[in-house]
Amino acid sequence: MLQLPALENKDLINEAEKRGIKVQKDLNKIENENTNREIANPQTLWKVYKQDVTDIAKKHCRESRAKISKCIELLKKDLHQIMNHPDIDIDKSVHINKAFLASELAHLEKTQACCYVTTER
């Protein structure tokens, strides 16, 4: 089970690719050296690979959700301060800042919602 944004993360994909190349080399080694299947089993290698990649993805997604939540919290605080600004009705820059913060907040909330949508096999 992976979160959709994780599938677009280049670092995560690169790490999975590195692990995949290692498994591929290990599988080739088993085949070329006629290694005893009790010592090195392709199914076991594949199972370990899948678990490693899943663990890496879960860690990444947990960290991403925490960062997004913290940013949302800070943006809400800033937006609240701007809404209570004494010059909100007079100063155009306050309105611009308010619009910008509201836009950023909406974007992050949408991103956060995507983080909870998961793909299952």
PDB file of N, CA and C in Angstrom:
ATOM      1  N   MET A   1       0.846  -1.161   0.000  1.00  0.00           N
ATOM      2  CA  MET A   1       0.000   0.000   0.000  1.00  0.00           C
ATOM      3  C   MET A   1       0.900   1.235   0.000  1.00  0.00           C
ATOM      4  N   LEU A   2       0.823   2.026  -1.051  1.00  0.00           N
ATOM      5  CA  LEU A   2       1.607   3.253  -1.157  1.00  0.00           C
ATOM      6  C   LEU A   2       0.681   4.435  -1.365  1.00  0.00           C
ATOM      7  N   GLN A   3       1.095   5.567  -0.866  1.00  0.00           N
ATOM      8  CA  GLN A   3       0.335   6.781  -1.088  1.00  0.00           C
ATOM      9  C   GLN A   3       0.699   7.327  -2.464  1.00  0.00           C
ATOM     10  N   LEU A   4      -0.263   7.902  -3.131  1.00  0.00           N
ATOM     11  CA  LEU A   4      -0.066   8.363  -4.506  1.00  0.00           C
ATOM     12  C   LEU A   4       1.105   9.331  -4.671  1.00  0.00           C
ATOM     13  N   PRO A   5       1.269  10.347  -3.810  1.00  0.00           N
ATOM     14  CA  PRO A   5       2.414  11.247  -3.991  1.00  0.00           C
ATOM     15  C   PRO A   5       3.766  10.540  -3.894  1.00  0.00           C
ATOM     16  N   ALA A   6       3.816   9.440  -3.169  1.00  0.00           N
ATOM     17  CA  ALA A   6       5.076   8.701  -3.033  1.00  0.00           C
ATOM     18  C   ALA A   6       5.536   8.141  -4.374  1.00  0.00           C
ATOM     19  N   LEU A   7       4.590   7.873  -5.244  1.00  0.00           N
ATOM     20  CA  LEU A   7       4.937   7.304  -6.540  1.00  0.00           C
ATOM     21  C   LEU A   7       5.633   8.309  -7.446  1.00  0.00           C
ATOM     22  N   GLU A   8       5.573   9.594  -7.088  1.00  0.00           N
ATOM     23  CA  GLU A   8       6.213  10.641  -7.877  1.00  0.00           C
ATOM     24  C   GLU A   8       7.510  11.142  -7.239  1.00  0.00           C
ATOM     25  N   ASN A   9       7.881  10.579  -6.091  1.00  0.00           N
ATOM     26  CA  ASN A   9       9.074  11.022  -5.391  1.00  0.00           C
ATOM     27  C   ASN A   9      10.314  10.363  -5.995  1.00  0.00           C
ATOM     28  N   LYS A  10      11.183  11.183  -6.589  1.00  0.00           N
ATOM     29  CA  LYS A  10      12.358  10.655  -7.282  1.00  0.00           C
ATOM     30  C   LYS A  10      13.327   9.941  -6.337  1.00  0.00           C
ATOM     31  N   ASP A  11      13.519  10.477  -5.130  1.00  0.00           N
ATOM     32  CA  ASP A  11      14.423   9.833  -4.171  1.00  0.00           C
ATOM     33  C   ASP A  11      13.915   8.449  -3.787  1.00  0.00           C
ATOM     34  N   LEU A  12      12.630   8.354  -3.559  1.00  0.00           N
ATOM     35  CA  LEU A  12      12.030   7.071  -3.206  1.00  0.00           C
ATOM     36  C   LEU A  12      12.154   6.077  -4.359  1.00  0.00           C
ATOM     37  N   ILE A  13      11.870   6.532  -5.553  1.00  0.00           N
ATOM     38  CA  ILE A  13      11.977   5.665  -6.735  1.00  0.00           C
ATOM     39  C   ILE A  13      13.427   5.223  -6.942  1.00  0.00           C
ATOM     40  N   ASN A  14      14.375   6.148  -6.773  1.00  0.00           N
ATOM     41  CA  ASN A  14      15.795   5.796  -6.923  1.00  0.00           C
ATOM     42  C   ASN A  14      16.230   4.756  -5.898  1.00  0.00           C
ATOM     43  N   GLU A  15      15.765   4.897  -4.674  1.00  0.00           N
ATOM     44  CA  GLU A  15      16.112   3.931  -3.626  1.00  0.00           C
ATOM     45  C   GLU A  15      15.540   2.555  -3.951  1.00  0.00           C
ATOM     46  N   ALA A  16      14.290   2.527  -4.424  1.00  0.00           N
ATOM     47  CA  ALA A  16      13.674   1.252  -4.821  1.00  0.00           C
ATOM     48  C   ALA A  16      14.434   0.639  -5.999  1.00  0.00           C
ATOM     49  N   GLU A  17      14.863   1.487  -6.918  1.00  0.00           N
ATOM     50  CA  GLU A  17      15.614   1.011  -8.072  1.00  0.00           C
ATOM     51  C   GLU A  17      16.953   0.412  -7.646  1.00  0.00           C
ATOM     52  N   LYS A  18      17.649   1.096  -6.722  1.00  0.00           N
ATOM     53  CA  LYS A  18      18.933   0.566  -6.219  1.00  0.00           C
ATOM     54  C   LYS A  18      18.740  -0.796  -5.570  1.00  0.00           C
ATOM     55  N   ARG A  19      17.690  -0.900  -4.759  1.00  0.00           N
ATOM     56  CA  ARG A  19      17.419  -2.182  -4.099  1.00  0.00           C
ATOM     57  C   ARG A  19      17.076  -3.249  -5.132  1.00  0.00           C
ATOM     58  N   GLY A  20      16.339  -2.856  -6.172  1.00  0.00           N
ATOM     59  CA  GLY A  20      15.980  -3.796  -7.231  1.00  0.00           C
ATOM     60  C   GLY A  20      17.188  -4.297  -7.999  1.00  0.00           C
ATOM     61  N   ILE A  21      18.132  -3.406  -8.267  1.00  0.00           N
ATOM     62  CA  ILE A  21      19.355  -3.800  -8.976  1.00  0.00           C
ATOM     63  C   ILE A  21      20.150  -4.795  -8.128  1.00  0.00           C
ATOM     64  N   LYS A  22      20.196  -4.551  -6.823  1.00  0.00           N
ATOM     65  CA  LYS A  22      20.909  -5.467  -5.925  1.00  0.00           C
ATOM     66  C   LYS A  22      20.253  -6.848  -5.948  1.00  0.00           C
ATOM     67  N   VAL A  23      18.916  -6.884  -5.888  1.00  0.00           N
ATOM     68  CA  VAL A  23      18.201  -8.163  -5.928  1.00  0.00           C
ATOM     69  C   VAL A  23      18.450  -8.864  -7.264  1.00  0.00           C
ATOM     70  N   GLN A  24      18.459  -8.083  -8.338  1.00  0.00           N
ATOM     71  CA  GLN A  24      18.699  -8.667  -9.659  1.00  0.00           C
ATOM     72  C   GLN A  24      20.091  -9.293  -9.721  1.00  0.00           C
ATOM     73  N   LYS A  25      21.092  -8.600  -9.179  1.00  0.00           N
ATOM     74  CA  LYS A  25      22.450  -9.151  -9.146  1.00  0.00           C
ATOM     75  C   LYS A  25      22.500 -10.425  -8.310  1.00  0.00           C
ATOM     76  N   ASP A  26      21.820 -10.409  -7.166  1.00  0.00           N
ATOM     77  CA  ASP A  26      21.789 -11.598  -6.310  1.00  0.00           C
ATOM     78  C   ASP A  26      21.108 -12.766  -7.019  1.00  0.00           C
ATOM     79  N   LEU A  27      20.035 -12.476  -7.750  1.00  0.00           N
ATOM     80  CA  LEU A  27      19.356 -13.539  -8.503  1.00  0.00           C
ATOM     81  C   LEU A  27      20.253 -14.104  -9.606  1.00  0.00           C
ATOM     82  N   ASN A  28      20.965 -13.207 -10.303  1.00  0.00           N
ATOM     83  CA  ASN A  28      21.897 -13.659 -11.339  1.00  0.00           C
ATOM     84  C   ASN A  28      23.009 -14.512 -10.732  1.00  0.00           C
ATOM     85  N   LYS A  29      23.472 -14.113  -9.570  1.00  0.00           N
ATOM     86  CA  LYS A  29      24.526 -14.866  -8.886  1.00  0.00           C
ATOM     87  C   LYS A  29      24.030 -16.268  -8.533  1.00  0.00           C
ATOM     88  N   ILE A  30      22.796 -16.356  -8.033  1.00  0.00           N
ATOM     89  CA  ILE A  30      22.216 -17.665  -7.699  1.00  0.00           C
ATOM     90  C   ILE A  30      22.156 -18.546  -8.938  1.00  0.00           C
ATOM     91  N   GLU A  31      21.734 -17.965 -10.053  1.00  0.00           N
ATOM     92  CA  GLU A  31      21.582 -18.728 -11.293  1.00  0.00           C
ATOM     93  C   GLU A  31      22.934 -19.136 -11.871  1.00  0.00           C
ATOM     94  N   ASN A  32      23.870 -18.184 -11.923  1.00  0.00           N
ATOM     95  CA  ASN A  32      25.163 -18.452 -12.561  1.00  0.00           C
ATOM     96  C   ASN A  32      26.064 -19.370 -11.745  1.00  0.00           C
ATOM     97  N   GLU A  33      25.970 -19.317 -10.452  1.00  0.00           N
ATOM     98  CA  GLU A  33      26.850 -20.117  -9.604  1.00  0.00           C
ATOM     99  C   GLU A  33      26.179 -21.392  -9.111  1.00  0.00           C
ATOM    100  N   ASN A  34      24.970 -21.649  -9.601  1.00  0.00           N
ATOM    101  CA  ASN A  34      24.221 -22.834  -9.173  1.00  0.00           C
ATOM    102  C   ASN A  34      24.209 -22.977  -7.656  1.00  0.00           C
ATOM    103  N   THR A  35      23.863 -21.903  -7.003  1.00  0.00           N
ATOM    104  CA  THR A  35      23.807 -21.881  -5.548  1.00  0.00           C
ATOM    105  C   THR A  35      22.673 -22.762  -5.060  1.00  0.00           C
ATOM    106  N   ASN A  36      22.921 -23.441  -3.974  1.00  0.00           N
ATOM    107  CA  ASN A  36      21.918 -24.295  -3.367  1.00  0.00           C
ATOM    108  C   ASN A  36      20.713 -23.446  -2.969  1.00  0.00           C
ATOM    109  N   ARG A  37      19.506 -23.862  -3.349  1.00  0.00           N
ATOM    110  CA  ARG A  37      18.285 -23.096  -3.089  1.00  0.00           C
ATOM    111  C   ARG A  37      17.965 -23.000  -1.593  1.00  0.00           C
ATOM    112  N   GLU A  38      18.523 -23.893  -0.820  1.00  0.00           N
ATOM    113  CA  GLU A  38      18.303 -23.807   0.631  1.00  0.00           C
ATOM    114  C   GLU A  38      19.114 -22.659   1.230  1.00  0.00           C
ATOM    115  N   ILE A  39      20.199 -22.276   0.559  1.00  0.00           N
ATOM    116  CA  ILE A  39      21.060 -21.189   1.033  1.00  0.00           C
ATOM    117  C   ILE A  39      20.525 -19.843   0.543  1.00  0.00           C
ATOM    118  N   ALA A  40      20.205 -19.760  -0.742  1.00  0.00           N
ATOM    119  CA  ALA A  40      19.714 -18.516  -1.337  1.00  0.00           C
ATOM    120  C   ALA A  40      18.516 -18.848  -2.214  1.00  0.00           C
ATOM    121  N   ASN A  41      17.366 -18.346  -1.823  1.00  0.00           N
ATOM    122  CA  ASN A  41      16.122 -18.660  -2.505  1.00  0.00           C
ATOM    123  C   ASN A  41      15.581 -17.396  -3.197  1.00  0.00           C
ATOM    124  N   PRO A  42      15.261 -17.458  -4.504  1.00  0.00           N
ATOM    125  CA  PRO A  42      14.739 -16.287  -5.214  1.00  0.00           C
ATOM    126  C   PRO A  42      13.467 -15.712  -4.575  1.00  0.00           C
ATOM    127  N   GLN A  43      12.592 -16.582  -4.107  1.00  0.00           N
ATOM    128  CA  GLN A  43      11.364 -16.095  -3.487  1.00  0.00           C
ATOM    129  C   GLN A  43      11.663 -15.317  -2.202  1.00  0.00           C
ATOM    130  N   THR A  44      12.635 -15.798  -1.455  1.00  0.00           N
ATOM    131  CA  THR A  44      13.019 -15.113  -0.225  1.00  0.00           C
ATOM    132  C   THR A  44      13.642 -13.759  -0.542  1.00  0.00           C
ATOM    133  N   LEU A  45      14.500 -13.720  -1.555  1.00  0.00           N
ATOM    134  CA  LEU A  45      15.108 -12.452  -1.962  1.00  0.00           C
ATOM    135  C   LEU A  45      14.042 -11.452  -2.386  1.00  0.00           C
ATOM    136  N   TRP A  46      13.064 -11.925  -3.153  1.00  0.00           N
ATOM    137  CA  TRP A  46      11.993 -11.056  -3.622  1.00  0.00           C
ATOM    138  C   TRP A  46      11.155 -10.542  -2.451  1.00  0.00           C
ATOM    139  N   LYS A  47      10.853 -11.433  -1.500  1.00  0.00           N
ATOM    140  CA  LYS A  47      10.060 -11.049  -0.329  1.00  0.00           C
ATOM    141  C   LYS A  47      10.788  -9.975   0.484  1.00  0.00           C
ATOM    142  N   VAL A  48      12.082 -10.144   0.684  1.00  0.00           N
ATOM    143  CA  VAL A  48      12.881  -9.166   1.434  1.00  0.00           C
ATOM    144  C   VAL A  48      12.912  -7.836   0.689  1.00  0.00           C
ATOM    145  N   TYR A  49      13.072  -7.882  -0.634  1.00  0.00           N
ATOM    146  CA  TYR A  49      13.078  -6.658  -1.451  1.00  0.00           C
ATOM    147  C   TYR A  49      11.764  -5.901  -1.288  1.00  0.00           C
ATOM    148  N   LYS A  50      10.640  -6.611  -1.435  1.00  0.00           N
ATOM    149  CA  LYS A  50       9.335  -5.959  -1.316  1.00  0.00           C
ATOM    150  C   LYS A  50       9.151  -5.335   0.066  1.00  0.00           C
ATOM    151  N   GLN A  51       9.587  -6.038   1.099  1.00  0.00           N
ATOM    152  CA  GLN A  51       9.442  -5.509   2.454  1.00  0.00           C
ATOM    153  C   GLN A  51      10.313  -4.269   2.655  1.00  0.00           C
ATOM    154  N   ASP A  52      11.550  -4.296   2.129  1.00  0.00           N
ATOM    155  CA  ASP A  52      12.441  -3.134   2.230  1.00  0.00           C
ATOM    156  C   ASP A  52      11.832  -1.911   1.558  1.00  0.00           C
ATOM    157  N   VAL A  53      11.350  -2.091   0.354  1.00  0.00           N
ATOM    158  CA  VAL A  53      10.766  -0.969  -0.395  1.00  0.00           C
ATOM    159  C   VAL A  53       9.511  -0.454   0.303  1.00  0.00           C
ATOM    160  N   THR A  54       8.693  -1.352   0.809  1.00  0.00           N
ATOM    161  CA  THR A  54       7.490  -0.949   1.535  1.00  0.00           C
ATOM    162  C   THR A  54       7.849  -0.154   2.785  1.00  0.00           C
ATOM    163  N   ASP A  55       8.846  -0.610   3.518  1.00  0.00           N
ATOM    164  CA  ASP A  55       9.274   0.098   4.731  1.00  0.00           C
ATOM    165  C   ASP A  55       9.812   1.493   4.414  1.00  0.00           C
ATOM    166  N   ILE A  56      10.600   1.588   3.350  1.00  0.00           N
ATOM    167  CA  ILE A  56      11.146   2.887   2.936  1.00  0.00           C
ATOM    168  C   ILE A  56      10.004   3.831   2.545  1.00  0.00           C
ATOM    169  N   ALA A  57       9.040   3.322   1.789  1.00  0.00           N
ATOM    170  CA  ALA A  57       7.908   4.152   1.348  1.00  0.00           C
ATOM    171  C   ALA A  57       7.055   4.602   2.536  1.00  0.00           C
ATOM    172  N   LYS A  58       6.816   3.711   3.478  1.00  0.00           N
ATOM    173  CA  LYS A  58       6.027   4.084   4.655  1.00  0.00           C
ATOM    174  C   LYS A  58       6.718   5.185   5.447  1.00  0.00           C
ATOM    175  N   LYS A  59       8.023   5.047   5.611  1.00  0.00           N
ATOM    176  CA  LYS A  59       8.785   6.060   6.353  1.00  0.00           C
ATOM    177  C   LYS A  59       8.700   7.404   5.637  1.00  0.00           C
ATOM    178  N   HIS A  60       8.880   7.383   4.325  1.00  0.00           N
ATOM    179  CA  HIS A  60       8.804   8.612   3.529  1.00  0.00           C
ATOM    180  C   HIS A  60       7.432   9.267   3.673  1.00  0.00           C
ATOM    181  N   CYS A  61       6.384   8.476   3.561  1.00  0.00           N
ATOM    182  CA  CYS A  61       5.027   9.014   3.625  1.00  0.00           C
ATOM    183  C   CYS A  61       4.722   9.573   5.013  1.00  0.00           C
ATOM    184  N   ARG A  62       5.191   8.902   6.035  1.00  0.00           N
ATOM    185  CA  ARG A  62       4.978   9.393   7.401  1.00  0.00           C
ATOM    186  C   ARG A  62       5.655  10.747   7.592  1.00  0.00           C
ATOM    187  N   GLU A  63       6.892  10.857   7.092  1.00  0.00           N
ATOM    188  CA  GLU A  63       7.630  12.123   7.194  1.00  0.00           C
ATOM    189  C   GLU A  63       6.949  13.223   6.380  1.00  0.00           C
ATOM    190  N   SER A  64       6.485  12.891   5.193  1.00  0.00           N
ATOM    191  CA  SER A  64       5.813  13.879   4.334  1.00  0.00           C
ATOM    192  C   SER A  64       4.542  14.394   4.984  1.00  0.00           C
ATOM    193  N   ARG A  65       3.745  13.482   5.533  1.00  0.00           N
ATOM    194  CA  ARG A  65       2.504  13.905   6.192  1.00  0.00           C
ATOM    195  C   ARG A  65       2.790  14.832   7.363  1.00  0.00           C
ATOM    196  N   ALA A  66       3.833  14.522   8.134  1.00  0.00           N
ATOM    197  CA  ALA A  66       4.181  15.364   9.290  1.00  0.00           C
ATOM    198  C   ALA A  66       4.597  16.764   8.840  1.00  0.00           C
ATOM    199  N   LYS A  67       5.404  16.842   7.782  1.00  0.00           N
ATOM    200  CA  LYS A  67       5.847  18.143   7.268  1.00  0.00           C
ATOM    201  C   LYS A  67       4.666  18.961   6.750  1.00  0.00           C
ATOM    202  N   ILE A  68       3.788  18.305   6.008  1.00  0.00           N
ATOM    203  CA  ILE A  68       2.623  19.005   5.458  1.00  0.00           C
ATOM    204  C   ILE A  68       1.720  19.501   6.584  1.00  0.00           C
ATOM    205  N   SER A  69       1.500  18.676   7.588  1.00  0.00           N
ATOM    206  CA  SER A  69       0.652  19.083   8.723  1.00  0.00           C
ATOM    207  C   SER A  69       1.241  20.280   9.447  1.00  0.00           C
ATOM    208  N   LYS A  70       2.544  20.284   9.639  1.00  0.00           N
ATOM    209  CA  LYS A  70       3.203  21.402  10.317  1.00  0.00           C
ATOM    210  C   LYS A  70       3.058  22.683   9.490  1.00  0.00           C
ATOM    211  N   CYS A  71       3.264  22.588   8.182  1.00  0.00           N
ATOM    212  CA  CYS A  71       3.116  23.763   7.306  1.00  0.00           C
ATOM    213  C   CYS A  71       1.686  24.294   7.337  1.00  0.00           C
ATOM    214  N   ILE A  72       0.705  23.394   7.310  1.00  0.00           N
ATOM    215  CA  ILE A  72      -0.699  23.810   7.363  1.00  0.00           C
ATOM    216  C   ILE A  72      -0.977  24.549   8.671  1.00  0.00           C
ATOM    217  N   GLU A  73      -0.466  24.013   9.755  1.00  0.00           N
ATOM    218  CA  GLU A  73      -0.654  24.643  11.063  1.00  0.00           C
ATOM    219  C   GLU A  73      -0.071  26.056  11.076  1.00  0.00           C
ATOM    220  N   LEU A  74       1.133  26.214  10.529  1.00  0.00           N
ATOM    221  CA  LEU A  74       1.774  27.533  10.498  1.00  0.00           C
ATOM    222  C   LEU A  74       1.038  28.508   9.580  1.00  0.00           C
ATOM    223  N   LEU A  75       0.581  28.013   8.437  1.00  0.00           N
ATOM    224  CA  LEU A  75      -0.171  28.876   7.519  1.00  0.00           C
ATOM    225  C   LEU A  75      -1.489  29.334   8.131  1.00  0.00           C
ATOM    226  N   LYS A  76      -2.156  28.456   8.836  1.00  0.00           N
ATOM    227  CA  LYS A  76      -3.410  28.841   9.489  1.00  0.00           C
ATOM    228  C   LYS A  76      -3.157  29.924  10.536  1.00  0.00           C
ATOM    229  N   LYS A  77      -2.066  29.773  11.262  1.00  0.00           N
ATOM    230  CA  LYS A  77      -1.708  30.773  12.271  1.00  0.00           C
ATOM    231  C   LYS A  77      -1.433  32.124  11.603  1.00  0.00           C
ATOM    232  N   ASP A  78      -0.640  32.104  10.518  1.00  0.00           N
ATOM    233  CA  ASP A  78      -0.339  33.354   9.795  1.00  0.00           C
ATOM    234  C   ASP A  78      -1.603  33.972   9.203  1.00  0.00           C
ATOM    235  N   LEU A  79      -2.462  33.151   8.650  1.00  0.00           N
ATOM    236  CA  LEU A  79      -3.699  33.646   8.050  1.00  0.00           C
ATOM    237  C   LEU A  79      -4.592  34.270   9.126  1.00  0.00           C
ATOM    238  N   HIS A  80      -4.645  33.657  10.285  1.00  0.00           N
ATOM    239  CA  HIS A  80      -5.428  34.204  11.391  1.00  0.00           C
ATOM    240  C   HIS A  80      -4.881  35.576  11.801  1.00  0.00           C
ATOM    241  N   GLN A  81      -3.576  35.700  11.844  1.00  0.00           N
ATOM    242  CA  GLN A  81      -2.960  36.984  12.201  1.00  0.00           C
ATOM    243  C   GLN A  81      -3.284  38.058  11.165  1.00  0.00           C
ATOM    244  N   ILE A  82      -3.227  37.684   9.902  1.00  0.00           N
ATOM    245  CA  ILE A  82      -3.524  38.657   8.843  1.00  0.00           C
ATOM    246  C   ILE A  82      -4.999  39.061   8.884  1.00  0.00           C
ATOM    247  N   MET A  83      -5.873  38.108   9.160  1.00  0.00           N
ATOM    248  CA  MET A  83      -7.304  38.423   9.218  1.00  0.00           C
ATOM    249  C   MET A  83      -7.598  39.405  10.354  1.00  0.00           C
ATOM    250  N   ASN A  84      -6.776  39.393  11.383  1.00  0.00           N
ATOM    251  CA  ASN A  84      -6.966  40.304  12.519  1.00  0.00           C
ATOM    252  C   ASN A  84      -6.088  41.549  12.422  1.00  0.00           C
ATOM    253  N   HIS A  85      -5.448  41.739  11.295  1.00  0.00           N
ATOM    254  CA  HIS A  85      -4.583  42.903  11.099  1.00  0.00           C
ATOM    255  C   HIS A  85      -5.441  44.175  11.108  1.00  0.00           C
ATOM    256  N   PRO A  86      -4.985  45.213  11.813  1.00  0.00           N
ATOM    257  CA  PRO A  86      -5.797  46.430  11.904  1.00  0.00           C
ATOM    258  C   PRO A  86      -5.999  47.155  10.568  1.00  0.00           C
ATOM    259  N   ASP A  87      -5.075  46.972   9.629  1.00  0.00           N
ATOM    260  CA  ASP A  87      -5.166  47.675   8.342  1.00  0.00           C
ATOM    261  C   ASP A  87      -5.728  46.796   7.229  1.00  0.00           C
ATOM    262  N   ILE A  88      -6.446  45.759   7.582  1.00  0.00           N
ATOM    263  CA  ILE A  88      -6.931  44.827   6.561  1.00  0.00           C
ATOM    264  C   ILE A  88      -7.867  45.505   5.559  1.00  0.00           C
ATOM    265  N   ASP A  89      -8.642  46.487   6.012  1.00  0.00           N
ATOM    266  CA  ASP A  89      -9.579  47.170   5.113  1.00  0.00           C
ATOM    267  C   ASP A  89      -8.921  48.288   4.322  1.00  0.00           C
ATOM    268  N   ILE A  90      -7.722  48.693   4.709  1.00  0.00           N
ATOM    269  CA  ILE A  90      -7.061  49.844   4.089  1.00  0.00           C
ATOM    270  C   ILE A  90      -5.897  49.429   3.195  1.00  0.00           C
ATOM    271  N   ASP A  91      -5.056  48.559   3.696  1.00  0.00           N
ATOM    272  CA  ASP A  91      -3.803  48.200   3.040  1.00  0.00           C
ATOM    273  C   ASP A  91      -4.011  47.059   2.025  1.00  0.00           C
ATOM    274  N   LYS A  92      -3.694  47.367   0.772  1.00  0.00           N
ATOM    275  CA  LYS A  92      -3.873  46.388  -0.301  1.00  0.00           C
ATOM    276  C   LYS A  92      -2.898  45.212  -0.156  1.00  0.00           C
ATOM    277  N   SER A  93      -1.703  45.487   0.364  1.00  0.00           N
ATOM    278  CA  SER A  93      -0.715  44.413   0.518  1.00  0.00           C
ATOM    279  C   SER A  93      -1.187  43.366   1.531  1.00  0.00           C
ATOM    280  N   VAL A  94      -1.969  43.770   2.500  1.00  0.00           N
ATOM    281  CA  VAL A  94      -2.521  42.817   3.467  1.00  0.00           C
ATOM    282  C   VAL A  94      -3.488  41.871   2.755  1.00  0.00           C
ATOM    283  N   HIS A  95      -4.290  42.409   1.853  1.00  0.00           N
ATOM    284  CA  HIS A  95      -5.209  41.580   1.063  1.00  0.00           C
ATOM    285  C   HIS A  95      -4.439  40.619   0.159  1.00  0.00           C
ATOM    286  N   ILE A  96      -3.363  41.100  -0.421  1.00  0.00           N
ATOM    287  CA  ILE A  96      -2.539  40.246  -1.287  1.00  0.00           C
ATOM    288  C   ILE A  96      -1.930  39.116  -0.470  1.00  0.00           C
ATOM    289  N   ASN A  97      -1.397  39.440   0.702  1.00  0.00           N
ATOM    290  CA  ASN A  97      -0.823  38.411   1.573  1.00  0.00           C
ATOM    291  C   ASN A  97      -1.886  37.404   2.015  1.00  0.00           C
ATOM    292  N   LYS A  98      -3.063  37.912   2.320  1.00  0.00           N
ATOM    293  CA  LYS A  98      -4.166  37.037   2.724  1.00  0.00           C
ATOM    294  C   LYS A  98      -4.515  36.059   1.600  1.00  0.00           C
ATOM    295  N   ALA A  99      -4.608  36.572   0.384  1.00  0.00           N
ATOM    296  CA  ALA A  99      -4.936  35.731  -0.767  1.00  0.00           C
ATOM    297  C   ALA A  99      -3.842  34.686  -1.009  1.00  0.00           C
ATOM    298  N   PHE A 100      -2.596  35.123  -0.881  1.00  0.00           N
ATOM    299  CA  PHE A 100      -1.474  34.205  -1.092  1.00  0.00           C
ATOM    300  C   PHE A 100      -1.492  33.085  -0.054  1.00  0.00           C
ATOM    301  N   LEU A 101      -1.653  33.439   1.214  1.00  0.00           N
ATOM    302  CA  LEU A 101      -1.676  32.432   2.275  1.00  0.00           C
ATOM    303  C   LEU A 101      -2.860  31.486   2.116  1.00  0.00           C
ATOM    304  N   ALA A 102      -4.010  32.028   1.734  1.00  0.00           N
ATOM    305  CA  ALA A 102      -5.191  31.184   1.526  1.00  0.00           C
ATOM    306  C   ALA A 102      -4.960  30.205   0.382  1.00  0.00           C
ATOM    307  N   SER A 103      -4.299  30.671  -0.663  1.00  0.00           N
ATOM    308  CA  SER A 103      -3.989  29.814  -1.799  1.00  0.00           C
ATOM    309  C   SER A 103      -3.018  28.696  -1.398  1.00  0.00           C
ATOM    310  N   GLU A 104      -1.979  29.058  -0.672  1.00  0.00           N
ATOM    311  CA  GLU A 104      -1.004  28.064  -0.211  1.00  0.00           C
ATOM    312  C   GLU A 104      -1.656  27.045   0.720  1.00  0.00           C
ATOM    313  N   LEU A 105      -2.510  27.527   1.592  1.00  0.00           N
ATOM    314  CA  LEU A 105      -3.213  26.653   2.526  1.00  0.00           C
ATOM    315  C   LEU A 105      -4.099  25.665   1.767  1.00  0.00           C
ATOM    316  N   ALA A 106      -4.834  26.158   0.792  1.00  0.00           N
ATOM    317  CA  ALA A 106      -5.703  25.281  -0.009  1.00  0.00           C
ATOM    318  C   ALA A 106      -4.874  24.226  -0.743  1.00  0.00           C
ATOM    319  N   HIS A 107      -3.743  24.647  -1.283  1.00  0.00           N
ATOM    320  CA  HIS A 107      -2.863  23.710  -1.995  1.00  0.00           C
ATOM    321  C   HIS A 107      -2.359  22.612  -1.055  1.00  0.00           C
ATOM    322  N   LEU A 108      -1.880  23.008   0.120  1.00  0.00           N
ATOM    323  CA  LEU A 108      -1.353  22.019   1.064  1.00  0.00           C
ATOM    324  C   LEU A 108      -2.448  21.096   1.592  1.00  0.00           C
ATOM    325  N   GLU A 109      -3.628  21.637   1.799  1.00  0.00           N
ATOM    326  CA  GLU A 109      -4.729  20.781   2.256  1.00  0.00           C
ATOM    327  C   GLU A 109      -5.119  19.776   1.180  1.00  0.00           C
ATOM    328  N   LYS A 110      -5.047  20.196  -0.066  1.00  0.00           N
ATOM    329  CA  LYS A 110      -5.321  19.271  -1.177  1.00  0.00           C
ATOM    330  C   LYS A 110      -4.228  18.201  -1.235  1.00  0.00           C
ATOM    331  N   THR A 111      -2.978  18.609  -1.074  1.00  0.00           N
ATOM    332  CA  THR A 111      -1.859  17.669  -1.071  1.00  0.00           C
ATOM    333  C   THR A 111      -1.996  16.700   0.092  1.00  0.00           C
ATOM    334  N   GLN A 112      -2.380  17.210   1.245  1.00  0.00           N
ATOM    335  CA  GLN A 112      -2.557  16.363   2.423  1.00  0.00           C
ATOM    336  C   GLN A 112      -3.652  15.331   2.167  1.00  0.00           C
ATOM    337  N   ALA A 113      -4.732  15.740   1.526  1.00  0.00           N
ATOM    338  CA  ALA A 113      -5.814  14.807   1.215  1.00  0.00           C
ATOM    339  C   ALA A 113      -5.321  13.706   0.287  1.00  0.00           C
ATOM    340  N   CYS A 114      -4.464  14.064  -0.664  1.00  0.00           N
ATOM    341  CA  CYS A 114      -3.901  13.067  -1.581  1.00  0.00           C
ATOM    342  C   CYS A 114      -3.013  12.075  -0.837  1.00  0.00           C
ATOM    343  N   CYS A 115      -2.367  12.535   0.205  1.00  0.00           N
ATOM    344  CA  CYS A 115      -1.484  11.650   0.973  1.00  0.00           C
ATOM    345  C   CYS A 115      -2.252  10.535   1.655  1.00  0.00           C
ATOM    346  N   TYR A 116      -3.532  10.751   1.890  1.00  0.00           N
ATOM    347  CA  TYR A 116      -4.314   9.725   2.559  1.00  0.00           C
ATOM    348  C   TYR A 116      -5.034   8.810   1.585  1.00  0.00           C
ATOM    349  N   VAL A 117      -4.970   9.149   0.299  1.00  0.00           N
ATOM    350  CA  VAL A 117      -5.494   8.257  -0.724  1.00  0.00           C
ATOM    351  C   VAL A 117      -4.399   7.238  -0.987  1.00  0.00           C
ATOM    352  N   THR A 118      -4.742   5.980  -0.946  1.00  0.00           N
ATOM    353  CA  THR A 118      -3.728   4.950  -1.109  1.00  0.00           C
ATOM    354  C   THR A 118      -4.032   4.092  -2.326  1.00  0.00           C
ATOM    355  N   THR A 119      -3.002   3.469  -2.819  1.00  0.00           N
ATOM    356  CA  THR A 119      -3.164   2.503  -3.893  1.00  0.00           C
ATOM    357  C   THR A 119      -2.961   1.127  -3.286  1.00  0.00           C
ATOM    358  N   GLU A 120      -3.784   0.205  -3.660  1.00  0.00           N
ATOM    359  CA  GLU A 120      -3.639  -1.163  -3.169  1.00  0.00           C
ATOM    360  C   GLU A 120      -3.544  -2.082  -4.349  1.00  0.00           C
ATOM    361  N   ARG A 121      -2.847  -3.199  -4.101  1.00  0.00           N
ATOM    362  CA  ARG A 121      -2.712  -4.171  -5.169  1.00  0.00           C
ATOM    363  C   ARG A 121      -3.813  -5.173  -5.104  1.00  0.00           C
TER     364      ARG A 121
END
